[in-house]
Amino acid sequence: MATVHCEGHMESAATDKQPSSGNNLWKQLIAFALGAALLYFSFRGCDFASIWGYAQKTKPIFLILMCVSCLLSHVPRAQRWVYLLEPIEHRKVSLWNSFCAVILGYAVNIPIPRGGEVARLVSISRSEKLPWAGVLPTMLIDRMLDMVMLGLLFGVTLTSLPESLKTREVVVGGFAVTACSVAGLIALPFIGKILHIFLANELVSKRLPQNLSTKLSELAGQFEIGTKSLTDIRYIPKIAILTGVIWFLYWLNLYLAVLAFDLQNQVSPMQTLLVFTMGTLGVLLPAPGSVGTYHLMVKTALMAVSGLNENLALAYVSVLHLLCFIIVPCVTAAVCISIQSAGLKKQSS
């Protein structure tokens, strides 16, 4: 879940970052192969008729609510990005344009792993006429906020595993991950300054190659740009609340799926949090649309924490993934593109 150089170097940076088409093709093929392999392992030996039967018995009202929750989860993310972007031009970016860029990024990630970041960057830069060099650091900080939250959730869930899965080492590891995540969250606004201090150290500056030192110095500058909102008392509470809302809605998607399958007596809200955390780890792997990676992680977690049978767990994750990872982002992105295109035509006429 991007790096940037100063605007004057944007063209050369883009050239440096663009590997040959052959390398890009290989990366895409590896990503597709990873997704296909994990999808195969997820469904190997399952009963497709049984999976389809479970899916047909879902309650439509909760599926609809899940789609609504999924759609709404992108709104606080877009608003949080508005706050991160505001210091760049000292003006408020349109929430609508931010939302369109976010949802387009998710849609593009389905066929092109990690391609959504580029789509998101291009969309907001064009619609708001913002410099790429200013936007990129905010996207990096946006993702780092998510990584810290994921680390925090992972640490908490490790300490909350069922007794059958909990060991002393797991609990200690959970507390350690939680503590590191909290420390990372506190340090995040100052990471640029910390990196500058590190590079200014005489021992470090003498040992580092000049080209690496230059790149790290540029990276430190990028962090300072991207974290401006995180050091402004006006934005800190807003960003913190929005981050909490984003992750609550993500969890809610999974619990509404639990209700849709009428599993509330077998899968508790806390167990849903455990499944959510493991599923999010699957999203980090670069498979197209998280196909295969998400299925394997959620299925495995569901079976481990609640004892669901494999076919029911696969039905659950298949419906959840289809609606929240494919249909909602693609349909919403198509609507956003249509509305934005219509608006551009009116302006040009």
Foldseek 3Di string as FASTA:
>chain_A
DFDFFPLVCHVVVVVVPDDDPVVLVVVLVVQAVLLVVLLCVLCPPHDVVLLVVLLVQFDVVLLVVLLVLLLVLLQLLLVLLQLLLCVQPVDGQDSLQSSLLSLQLLQVLQSRFVVSVVSSLVSSCVVVVGRSRLSRLLVVLSVVLVVLVLLLLCLVLLCVAPPVPHDPVSPVVSVVSNVVSVVCVVCQLVVLVVLVVVCPDPVNVVPDDPVVSVVSNSRSVSSNSSNPSVPDPVRVVSSVVSSVSSVVSLLVSLVSLCVRSPNCVQAPSSLSSQLSSQLVVLVPRRHNLSRSSSSNRNLVSCCRRRVDDSSSSNSSSVSSSCSSSHVSSVVVSVVSVVVVVVVVVVVVD
